[in-house]
PDB file of N, CA and C in Angstrom:
ATOM      1  N   MET A   1      -5.656 -37.315  23.871  1.00  0.00           N
ATOM      2  CA  MET A   1      -4.342 -36.041  23.457  1.00  0.00           C
ATOM      3  C   MET A   1      -4.322 -35.551  25.272  1.00  0.00           C
ATOM      4  N   ALA A   2      -3.873 -35.132  25.780  1.00  0.00           N
ATOM      5  CA  ALA A   2      -3.852 -34.324  26.295  1.00  0.00           C
ATOM      6  C   ALA A   2      -3.427 -32.614  26.169  1.00  0.00           C
ATOM      7  N   ALA A   3      -4.135 -31.969  26.915  1.00  0.00           N
ATOM      8  CA  ALA A   3      -3.396 -30.370  26.767  1.00  0.00           C
ATOM      9  C   ALA A   3      -2.841 -30.123  26.852  1.00  0.00           C
ATOM     10  N   GLU A   4      -1.516 -30.534  26.302  1.00  0.00           N
ATOM     11  CA  GLU A   4      -0.104 -29.957  26.406  1.00  0.00           C
ATOM     12  C   GLU A   4       0.076 -28.699  25.898  1.00  0.00           C
ATOM     13  N   THR A   5       1.021 -27.864  26.685  1.00  0.00           N
ATOM     14  CA  THR A   5       1.389 -26.281  25.891  1.00  0.00           C
ATOM     15  C   THR A   5       2.360 -26.487  25.575  1.00  0.00           C
ATOM     16  N   THR A   6       2.201 -26.164  24.086  1.00  0.00           N
ATOM     17  CA  THR A   6       3.257 -25.428  22.866  1.00  0.00           C
ATOM     18  C   THR A   6       3.495 -23.881  22.845  1.00  0.00           C
ATOM     19  N   GLY A   7       4.583 -23.595  21.686  1.00  0.00           N
ATOM     20  CA  GLY A   7       4.595 -22.510  21.594  1.00  0.00           C
ATOM     21  C   GLY A   7       4.067 -21.557  21.095  1.00  0.00           C
ATOM     22  N   THR A   8       2.624 -21.893  20.492  1.00  0.00           N
ATOM     23  CA  THR A   8       2.179 -21.299  19.783  1.00  0.00           C
ATOM     24  C   THR A   8       0.110 -21.686  21.008  1.00  0.00           C
ATOM     25  N   GLY A   9      -0.033 -22.342  21.946  1.00  0.00           N
ATOM     26  CA  GLY A   9      -1.391 -22.241  22.472  1.00  0.00           C
ATOM     27  C   GLY A   9      -1.391 -24.378  22.536  1.00  0.00           C
ATOM     28  N   THR A  10      -2.643 -24.883  22.523  1.00  0.00           N
ATOM     29  CA  THR A  10      -2.785 -26.199  23.194  1.00  0.00           C
ATOM     30  C   THR A  10      -3.310 -27.076  22.474  1.00  0.00           C
ATOM     31  N   THR A  11      -2.733 -28.585  22.359  1.00  0.00           N
ATOM     32  CA  THR A  11      -3.106 -29.455  21.515  1.00  0.00           C
ATOM     33  C   THR A  11      -4.600 -29.311  21.788  1.00  0.00           C
ATOM     34  N   ALA A  12      -5.697 -29.186  22.914  1.00  0.00           N
ATOM     35  CA  ALA A  12      -6.440 -29.624  23.724  1.00  0.00           C
ATOM     36  C   ALA A  12      -7.664 -29.339  21.823  1.00  0.00           C
ATOM     37  N   ASP A  13      -6.949 -27.827  21.365  1.00  0.00           N
ATOM     38  CA  ASP A  13      -8.206 -27.612  19.815  1.00  0.00           C
ATOM     39  C   ASP A  13      -8.143 -29.008  18.894  1.00  0.00           C
ATOM     40  N   LEU A  14      -6.706 -29.715  18.751  1.00  0.00           N
ATOM     41  CA  LEU A  14      -6.246 -30.403  17.624  1.00  0.00           C
ATOM     42  C   LEU A  14      -7.786 -31.800  17.267  1.00  0.00           C
ATOM     43  N   PRO A  15      -7.914 -31.778  15.980  1.00  0.00           N
ATOM     44  CA  PRO A  15      -8.736 -32.945  15.969  1.00  0.00           C
ATOM     45  C   PRO A  15      -7.842 -34.045  16.765  1.00  0.00           C
ATOM     46  N   THR A  16      -8.523 -34.728  16.960  1.00  0.00           N
ATOM     47  CA  THR A  16      -7.878 -36.227  17.498  1.00  0.00           C
ATOM     48  C   THR A  16      -8.279 -37.140  16.150  1.00  0.00           C
ATOM     49  N   SER A  17      -8.892 -38.022  15.630  1.00  0.00           N
ATOM     50  CA  SER A  17      -9.309 -38.276  14.830  1.00  0.00           C
ATOM     51  C   SER A  17      -8.426 -38.319  13.327  1.00  0.00           C
ATOM     52  N   PRO A  18      -7.767 -39.490  12.395  1.00  0.00           N
ATOM     53  CA  PRO A  18      -6.161 -39.270  11.963  1.00  0.00           C
ATOM     54  C   PRO A  18      -6.828 -38.113  10.510  1.00  0.00           C
ATOM     55  N   ALA A  19      -8.347 -38.046  10.213  1.00  0.00           N
ATOM     56  CA  ALA A  19      -8.979 -38.151   9.095  1.00  0.00           C
ATOM     57  C   ALA A  19      -8.788 -36.623   9.195  1.00  0.00           C
ATOM     58  N   ALA A  20      -9.670 -36.079   9.997  1.00  0.00           N
ATOM     59  CA  ALA A  20      -9.858 -34.862  10.810  1.00  0.00           C
ATOM     60  C   ALA A  20      -8.700 -34.039  10.869  1.00  0.00           C
ATOM     61  N   LEU A  21      -7.503 -34.606  11.281  1.00  0.00           N
ATOM     62  CA  LEU A  21      -6.229 -33.708  11.613  1.00  0.00           C
ATOM     63  C   LEU A  21      -5.447 -33.538  10.341  1.00  0.00           C
ATOM     64  N   GLU A  22      -5.771 -34.679   9.184  1.00  0.00           N
ATOM     65  CA  GLU A  22      -5.766 -34.551   8.247  1.00  0.00           C
ATOM     66  C   GLU A  22      -6.156 -33.376   7.350  1.00  0.00           C
ATOM     67  N   ARG A  23      -7.600 -33.547   7.268  1.00  0.00           N
ATOM     68  CA  ARG A  23      -8.488 -31.935   6.861  1.00  0.00           C
ATOM     69  C   ARG A  23      -7.597 -30.427   7.242  1.00  0.00           C
ATOM     70  N   ALA A  24      -7.679 -30.236   9.131  1.00  0.00           N
ATOM     71  CA  ALA A  24      -6.773 -29.666   9.666  1.00  0.00           C
ATOM     72  C   ALA A  24      -5.541 -29.058   8.661  1.00  0.00           C
ATOM     73  N   ILE A  25      -4.761 -30.158   8.907  1.00  0.00           N
ATOM     74  CA  ILE A  25      -3.220 -30.246   8.297  1.00  0.00           C
ATOM     75  C   ILE A  25      -3.712 -29.225   6.777  1.00  0.00           C
ATOM     76  N   GLU A  26      -4.772 -29.989   5.456  1.00  0.00           N
ATOM     77  CA  GLU A  26      -4.849 -29.534   4.665  1.00  0.00           C
ATOM     78  C   GLU A  26      -5.436 -28.272   4.634  1.00  0.00           C
ATOM     79  N   ALA A  27      -6.093 -28.098   5.288  1.00  0.00           N
ATOM     80  CA  ALA A  27      -6.847 -26.118   5.739  1.00  0.00           C
ATOM     81  C   ALA A  27      -5.747 -24.837   5.868  1.00  0.00           C
ATOM     82  N   LYS A  28      -5.325 -25.881   6.729  1.00  0.00           N
ATOM     83  CA  LYS A  28      -3.951 -24.707   7.336  1.00  0.00           C
ATOM     84  C   LYS A  28      -2.563 -24.592   6.516  1.00  0.00           C
ATOM     85  N   ARG A  29      -2.159 -25.494   5.062  1.00  0.00           N
ATOM     86  CA  ARG A  29      -1.438 -25.739   4.327  1.00  0.00           C
ATOM     87  C   ARG A  29      -2.188 -24.779   3.024  1.00  0.00           C
ATOM     88  N   ALA A  30      -3.242 -24.661   2.938  1.00  0.00           N
ATOM     89  CA  ALA A  30      -4.042 -24.174   2.118  1.00  0.00           C
ATOM     90  C   ALA A  30      -3.786 -22.045   2.420  1.00  0.00           C
ATOM     91  N   SER A  31      -3.901 -22.097   3.663  1.00  0.00           N
ATOM     92  CA  SER A  31      -3.993 -20.959   4.438  1.00  0.00           C
ATOM     93  C   SER A  31      -3.027 -20.374   3.646  1.00  0.00           C
ATOM     94  N   LEU A  32      -1.472 -21.090   4.271  1.00  0.00           N
ATOM     95  CA  LEU A  32      -0.733 -20.348   4.336  1.00  0.00           C
ATOM     96  C   LEU A  32      -0.272 -20.356   2.736  1.00  0.00           C
ATOM     97  N   ALA A  33      -0.387 -21.167   1.877  1.00  0.00           N
ATOM     98  CA  ALA A  33      -0.037 -21.144   0.301  1.00  0.00           C
ATOM     99  C   ALA A  33      -1.204 -19.656   0.038  1.00  0.00           C
ATOM    100  N   ALA A  34      -2.411 -19.519   0.433  1.00  0.00           N
ATOM    101  CA  ALA A  34      -2.448 -18.185   0.242  1.00  0.00           C
ATOM    102  C   ALA A  34      -1.603 -16.942   0.471  1.00  0.00           C
ATOM    103  N   THR A  35      -1.769 -17.165   1.100  1.00  0.00           N
ATOM    104  CA  THR A  35      -0.869 -16.289   2.302  1.00  0.00           C
ATOM    105  C   THR A  35       0.362 -15.336   1.491  1.00  0.00           C
ATOM    106  N   ILE A  36       1.284 -17.111   1.122  1.00  0.00           N
ATOM    107  CA  ILE A  36       2.952 -16.573   0.260  1.00  0.00           C
ATOM    108  C   ILE A  36       2.491 -15.926  -0.892  1.00  0.00           C
ATOM    109  N   ASP A  37       1.394 -16.383  -1.406  1.00  0.00           N
ATOM    110  CA  ASP A  37       1.443 -16.152  -2.847  1.00  0.00           C
ATOM    111  C   ASP A  37       0.602 -14.334  -2.030  1.00  0.00           C
ATOM    112  N   GLU A  38       0.128 -14.069  -1.694  1.00  0.00           N
ATOM    113  CA  GLU A  38      -0.040 -12.711  -1.417  1.00  0.00           C
ATOM    114  C   GLU A  38       1.135 -11.624  -1.493  1.00  0.00           C
ATOM    115  N   LEU A  39       1.808 -12.065  -0.129  1.00  0.00           N
ATOM    116  CA  LEU A  39       3.237 -11.555  -0.036  1.00  0.00           C
ATOM    117  C   LEU A  39       4.422 -11.265  -1.548  1.00  0.00           C
ATOM    118  N   SER A  40       3.921 -12.921  -2.207  1.00  0.00           N
ATOM    119  CA  SER A  40       4.668 -12.457  -3.268  1.00  0.00           C
ATOM    120  C   SER A  40       4.333 -11.654  -4.386  1.00  0.00           C
ATOM    121  N   ASP A  41       2.884 -11.557  -4.503  1.00  0.00           N
ATOM    122  CA  ASP A  41       1.978 -10.506  -5.681  1.00  0.00           C
ATOM    123  C   ASP A  41       3.381  -9.114  -4.586  1.00  0.00           C
ATOM    124  N   ARG A  42       2.971  -9.035  -3.265  1.00  0.00           N
ATOM    125  CA  ARG A  42       3.206  -7.571  -2.831  1.00  0.00           C
ATOM    126  C   ARG A  42       4.175  -7.572  -2.997  1.00  0.00           C
ATOM    127  N   ALA A  43       4.811  -7.938  -3.065  1.00  0.00           N
ATOM    128  CA  ALA A  43       6.607  -8.107  -3.149  1.00  0.00           C
ATOM    129  C   ALA A  43       7.487  -7.664  -5.355  1.00  0.00           C
ATOM    130  N   ARG A  44       6.181  -8.360  -5.439  1.00  0.00           N
ATOM    131  CA  ARG A  44       6.713  -7.829  -7.167  1.00  0.00           C
ATOM    132  C   ARG A  44       7.061  -6.432  -7.590  1.00  0.00           C
ATOM    133  N   PRO A  45       8.068  -6.387  -8.968  1.00  0.00           N
ATOM    134  CA  PRO A  45       8.849  -4.456  -8.242  1.00  0.00           C
ATOM    135  C   PRO A  45       7.415  -3.456  -9.396  1.00  0.00           C
ATOM    136  N   LYS A  46       6.880  -4.226  -9.890  1.00  0.00           N
ATOM    137  CA  LYS A  46       5.604  -3.810 -10.723  1.00  0.00           C
ATOM    138  C   LYS A  46       4.486  -3.418 -10.119  1.00  0.00           C
ATOM    139  N   GLU A  47       3.975  -4.215  -8.565  1.00  0.00           N
ATOM    140  CA  GLU A  47       3.266  -4.177  -8.004  1.00  0.00           C
ATOM    141  C   GLU A  47       3.720  -2.100  -6.743  1.00  0.00           C
ATOM    142  N   ILE A  48       5.120  -2.093  -6.765  1.00  0.00           N
ATOM    143  CA  ILE A  48       5.485  -1.704  -5.538  1.00  0.00           C
ATOM    144  C   ILE A  48       5.347  -0.383  -5.985  1.00  0.00           C
ATOM    145  N   LEU A  49       5.426  -0.560  -7.630  1.00  0.00           N
ATOM    146  CA  LEU A  49       5.691   0.632  -8.427  1.00  0.00           C
ATOM    147  C   LEU A  49       4.241   1.181  -8.698  1.00  0.00           C
ATOM    148  N   ARG A  50       3.625   0.203  -8.780  1.00  0.00           N
ATOM    149  CA  ARG A  50       1.872   0.908  -8.793  1.00  0.00           C
ATOM    150  C   ARG A  50       1.347   1.316  -7.879  1.00  0.00           C
ATOM    151  N   ARG A  51       1.664   1.046  -6.589  1.00  0.00           N
ATOM    152  CA  ARG A  51       1.474   1.048  -5.199  1.00  0.00           C
ATOM    153  C   ARG A  51       1.799   2.821  -5.177  1.00  0.00           C
ATOM    154  N   SER A  52       3.120   3.313  -5.379  1.00  0.00           N
ATOM    155  CA  SER A  52       3.698   3.971  -4.889  1.00  0.00           C
ATOM    156  C   SER A  52       3.320   5.208  -5.821  1.00  0.00           C
ATOM    157  N   ALA A  53       2.977   5.201  -7.184  1.00  0.00           N
ATOM    158  CA  ALA A  53       2.197   5.471  -8.202  1.00  0.00           C
ATOM    159  C   ALA A  53       0.633   6.147  -7.748  1.00  0.00           C
ATOM    160  N   ALA A  54      -0.098   5.223  -7.732  1.00  0.00           N
ATOM    161  CA  ALA A  54      -1.268   5.817  -6.877  1.00  0.00           C
ATOM    162  C   ALA A  54      -1.019   6.521  -5.452  1.00  0.00           C
ATOM    163  N   GLY A  55      -0.028   6.138  -4.808  1.00  0.00           N
ATOM    164  CA  GLY A  55       0.148   7.038  -3.509  1.00  0.00           C
ATOM    165  C   GLY A  55       0.439   8.551  -3.807  1.00  0.00           C
ATOM    166  N   VAL A  56       1.528   8.755  -5.000  1.00  0.00           N
ATOM    167  CA  VAL A  56       1.609   9.617  -5.143  1.00  0.00           C
ATOM    168  C   VAL A  56       0.646  10.705  -5.974  1.00  0.00           C
ATOM    169  N   SER A  57      -0.240   9.546  -6.632  1.00  0.00           N
ATOM    170  CA  SER A  57      -1.239  10.585  -7.216  1.00  0.00           C
ATOM    171  C   SER A  57      -2.755  11.249  -6.285  1.00  0.00           C
ATOM    172  N   ALA A  58      -2.905   9.854  -4.868  1.00  0.00           N
ATOM    173  CA  ALA A  58      -3.831  10.649  -4.415  1.00  0.00           C
ATOM    174  C   ALA A  58      -3.140  11.577  -3.566  1.00  0.00           C
ATOM    175  N   LYS A  59      -2.112  11.508  -3.805  1.00  0.00           N
ATOM    176  CA  LYS A  59      -1.302  13.178  -2.553  1.00  0.00           C
ATOM    177  C   LYS A  59      -1.602  14.272  -3.384  1.00  0.00           C
ATOM    178  N   ALA A  60      -1.340  14.316  -5.102  1.00  0.00           N
ATOM    179  CA  ALA A  60      -1.441  15.252  -5.972  1.00  0.00           C
ATOM    180  C   ALA A  60      -3.272  15.560  -6.008  1.00  0.00           C
ATOM    181  N   ARG A  61      -3.487  15.052  -5.871  1.00  0.00           N
ATOM    182  CA  ARG A  61      -5.245  15.157  -5.741  1.00  0.00           C
ATOM    183  C   ARG A  61      -5.478  15.590  -4.802  1.00  0.00           C
ATOM    184  N   GLY A  62      -5.119  15.508  -3.901  1.00  0.00           N
ATOM    185  CA  GLY A  62      -5.644  16.031  -2.443  1.00  0.00           C
ATOM    186  C   GLY A  62      -4.876  17.502  -2.465  1.00  0.00           C
ATOM    187  N   ALA A  63      -3.753  17.560  -2.802  1.00  0.00           N
ATOM    188  CA  ALA A  63      -3.295  19.000  -2.646  1.00  0.00           C
ATOM    189  C   ALA A  63      -4.360  20.050  -3.584  1.00  0.00           C
ATOM    190  N   VAL A  64      -4.760  19.370  -4.919  1.00  0.00           N
ATOM    191  CA  VAL A  64      -5.568  20.160  -5.588  1.00  0.00           C
ATOM    192  C   VAL A  64      -7.095  20.143  -5.330  1.00  0.00           C
ATOM    193  N   ALA A  65      -7.677  19.234  -4.679  1.00  0.00           N
ATOM    194  CA  ALA A  65      -9.095  19.197  -4.434  1.00  0.00           C
ATOM    195  C   ALA A  65      -9.074  18.597  -3.430  1.00  0.00           C
ATOM    196  N   THR A  66     -10.783  19.297  -2.667  1.00  0.00           N
ATOM    197  CA  THR A  66     -11.312  19.094  -1.333  1.00  0.00           C
ATOM    198  C   THR A  66     -11.674  17.675  -1.864  1.00  0.00           C
ATOM    199  N   PRO A  67     -12.044  17.614  -0.257  1.00  0.00           N
ATOM    200  CA  PRO A  67     -12.587  15.723  -0.131  1.00  0.00           C
ATOM    201  C   PRO A  67     -13.966  15.104  -1.014  1.00  0.00           C
ATOM    202  N   ASP A  68     -14.528  16.549  -1.008  1.00  0.00           N
ATOM    203  CA  ASP A  68     -16.269  16.604  -2.363  1.00  0.00           C
ATOM    204  C   ASP A  68     -15.375  16.364  -3.243  1.00  0.00           C
ATOM    205  N   GLY A  69     -14.419  16.665  -3.669  1.00  0.00           N
ATOM    206  CA  GLY A  69     -14.419  16.905  -5.371  1.00  0.00           C
ATOM    207  C   GLY A  69     -13.774  18.257  -6.173  1.00  0.00           C
ATOM    208  N   HIS A  70     -14.246  19.438  -5.331  1.00  0.00           N
ATOM    209  CA  HIS A  70     -14.450  20.854  -5.999  1.00  0.00           C
ATOM    210  C   HIS A  70     -12.698  21.081  -5.917  1.00  0.00           C
ATOM    211  N   LEU A  71     -12.349  21.798  -6.720  1.00  0.00           N
ATOM    212  CA  LEU A  71     -10.756  22.177  -6.901  1.00  0.00           C
ATOM    213  C   LEU A  71     -10.555  23.847  -5.776  1.00  0.00           C
ATOM    214  N   ARG A  72      -9.131  23.267  -5.356  1.00  0.00           N
ATOM    215  CA  ARG A  72      -8.756  24.517  -4.242  1.00  0.00           C
ATOM    216  C   ARG A  72      -8.209  25.309  -5.483  1.00  0.00           C
ATOM    217  N   THR A  73      -8.622  26.508  -5.155  1.00  0.00           N
ATOM    218  CA  THR A  73      -8.483  27.422  -6.560  1.00  0.00           C
ATOM    219  C   THR A  73      -7.098  28.365  -5.830  1.00  0.00           C
ATOM    220  N   GLU A  74      -7.494  28.348  -4.715  1.00  0.00           N
ATOM    221  CA  GLU A  74      -6.376  29.218  -4.272  1.00  0.00           C
ATOM    222  C   GLU A  74      -5.056  28.384  -4.220  1.00  0.00           C
ATOM    223  N   ARG A  75      -5.134  27.463  -4.201  1.00  0.00           N
ATOM    224  CA  ARG A  75      -3.500  26.497  -4.230  1.00  0.00           C
ATOM    225  C   ARG A  75      -2.842  26.110  -5.522  1.00  0.00           C
ATOM    226  N   ILE A  76      -4.172  26.180  -6.554  1.00  0.00           N
ATOM    227  CA  ILE A  76      -3.538  26.139  -7.952  1.00  0.00           C
ATOM    228  C   ILE A  76      -2.741  27.767  -8.386  1.00  0.00           C
ATOM    229  N   GLY A  77      -3.674  28.142  -8.053  1.00  0.00           N
ATOM    230  CA  GLY A  77      -2.907  29.968  -7.611  1.00  0.00           C
ATOM    231  C   GLY A  77      -1.966  29.867  -7.814  1.00  0.00           C
ATOM    232  N   ALA A  78      -1.921  29.621  -6.449  1.00  0.00           N
ATOM    233  CA  ALA A  78      -0.329  29.900  -5.880  1.00  0.00           C
ATOM    234  C   ALA A  78       0.828  29.077  -6.228  1.00  0.00           C
ATOM    235  N   VAL A  79       0.426  27.666  -6.817  1.00  0.00           N
ATOM    236  CA  VAL A  79       1.847  26.674  -7.646  1.00  0.00           C
ATOM    237  C   VAL A  79       1.522  28.105  -8.979  1.00  0.00           C
ATOM    238  N   ALA A  80       0.409  28.459  -9.953  1.00  0.00           N
ATOM    239  CA  ALA A  80       0.686  29.260 -10.745  1.00  0.00           C
ATOM    240  C   ALA A  80       1.736  30.309 -11.034  1.00  0.00           C
ATOM    241  N   GLY A  81       1.392  31.072  -9.183  1.00  0.00           N
ATOM    242  CA  GLY A  81       1.944  32.462  -9.320  1.00  0.00           C
ATOM    243  C   GLY A  81       3.751  32.240  -9.145  1.00  0.00           C
ATOM    244  N   ALA A  82       3.404  30.867  -8.206  1.00  0.00           N
ATOM    245  CA  ALA A  82       4.886  30.709  -8.322  1.00  0.00           C
ATOM    246  C   ALA A  82       6.236  30.186  -9.200  1.00  0.00           C
ATOM    247  N   THR A  83       5.140  29.469 -10.347  1.00  0.00           N
ATOM    248  CA  THR A  83       5.342  29.688 -11.366  1.00  0.00           C
ATOM    249  C   THR A  83       5.996  30.084 -12.064  1.00  0.00           C
ATOM    250  N   LEU A  84       5.192  30.846 -12.460  1.00  0.00           N
ATOM    251  CA  LEU A  84       4.966  32.312 -13.501  1.00  0.00           C
ATOM    252  C   LEU A  84       6.515  33.235 -12.720  1.00  0.00           C
ATOM    253  N   VAL A  85       6.546  33.294 -11.242  1.00  0.00           N
ATOM    254  CA  VAL A  85       8.268  33.949 -11.153  1.00  0.00           C
ATOM    255  C   VAL A  85       9.159  33.565 -11.211  1.00  0.00           C
ATOM    256  N   VAL A  86       9.190  32.176 -10.751  1.00  0.00           N
ATOM    257  CA  VAL A  86      10.696  31.091 -11.238  1.00  0.00           C
ATOM    258  C   VAL A  86      10.669  31.692 -12.516  1.00  0.00           C
ATOM    259  N   LEU A  87       9.911  31.237 -13.792  1.00  0.00           N
ATOM    260  CA  LEU A  87      10.401  31.542 -14.899  1.00  0.00           C
ATOM    261  C   LEU A  87      10.943  32.688 -15.375  1.00  0.00           C
ATOM    262  N   VAL A  88      10.156  34.024 -14.562  1.00  0.00           N
ATOM    263  CA  VAL A  88      10.268  35.375 -14.923  1.00  0.00           C
ATOM    264  C   VAL A  88      11.736  35.569 -14.454  1.00  0.00           C
ATOM    265  N   THR A  89      12.562  34.899 -13.104  1.00  0.00           N
ATOM    266  CA  THR A  89      13.161  34.985 -13.380  1.00  0.00           C
ATOM    267  C   THR A  89      14.479  34.490 -13.918  1.00  0.00           C
ATOM    268  N   LEU A  90      14.371  33.248 -14.253  1.00  0.00           N
ATOM    269  CA  LEU A  90      14.748  32.784 -14.826  1.00  0.00           C
ATOM    270  C   LEU A  90      15.643  33.242 -16.123  1.00  0.00           C
ATOM    271  N   LEU A  91      14.644  33.539 -17.152  1.00  0.00           N
ATOM    272  CA  LEU A  91      14.281  34.138 -18.111  1.00  0.00           C
ATOM    273  C   LEU A  91      15.118  35.527 -18.019  1.00  0.00           C
ATOM    274  N   TRP A  92      15.025  36.557 -16.685  1.00  0.00           N
ATOM    275  CA  TRP A  92      15.524  37.634 -16.501  1.00  0.00           C
ATOM    276  C   TRP A  92      17.253  37.684 -16.400  1.00  0.00           C
ATOM    277  N   VAL A  93      17.288  36.334 -15.719  1.00  0.00           N
ATOM    278  CA  VAL A  93      18.903  35.892 -15.386  1.00  0.00           C
ATOM    279  C   VAL A  93      19.741  35.765 -16.588  1.00  0.00           C
ATOM    280  N   ARG A  94      19.146  34.758 -17.773  1.00  0.00           N
ATOM    281  CA  ARG A  94      19.085  34.475 -19.020  1.00  0.00           C
ATOM    282  C   ARG A  94      19.435  36.068 -19.701  1.00  0.00           C
ATOM    283  N   ARG A  95      18.930  36.781 -19.868  1.00  0.00           N
ATOM    284  CA  ARG A  95      19.316  37.873 -20.815  1.00  0.00           C
ATOM    285  C   ARG A  95      20.213  38.560 -19.962  1.00  0.00           C
ATOM    286  N   ARG A  96      20.165  38.738 -18.946  1.00  0.00           N
ATOM    287  CA  ARG A  96      21.440  39.699 -17.850  1.00  0.00           C
ATOM    288  C   ARG A  96      23.196  38.901 -18.411  1.00  0.00           C
ATOM    289  N   ARG A  97      23.006  37.571 -18.965  1.00  0.00           N
ATOM    290  CA  ARG A  97      24.235  37.115 -19.521  1.00  0.00           C
ATOM    291  C   ARG A  97      24.735  37.683 -20.811  1.00  0.00           C
TER     292      ARG A  97
END
């Protein structure tokens, strides 16, 4: 075969014997099947939910812990203080009614 140019490359790198060509086709088919299986697994709603939950969990851990695992007490204290202010304000507004 001559080295003809196609949309994705040349035919020069294709095997010339029928048996080798069949093996190359089967290898490509197996590769494509594996890719399709991986994409279908990624598109499953449960998998999307699991990845989203893992992302939220990682963000939450990053907000309250340093990369080496120690707690960021200043952030935890700020959140606890803000929560306390909101609760006290809600109780105060309810009692005024």
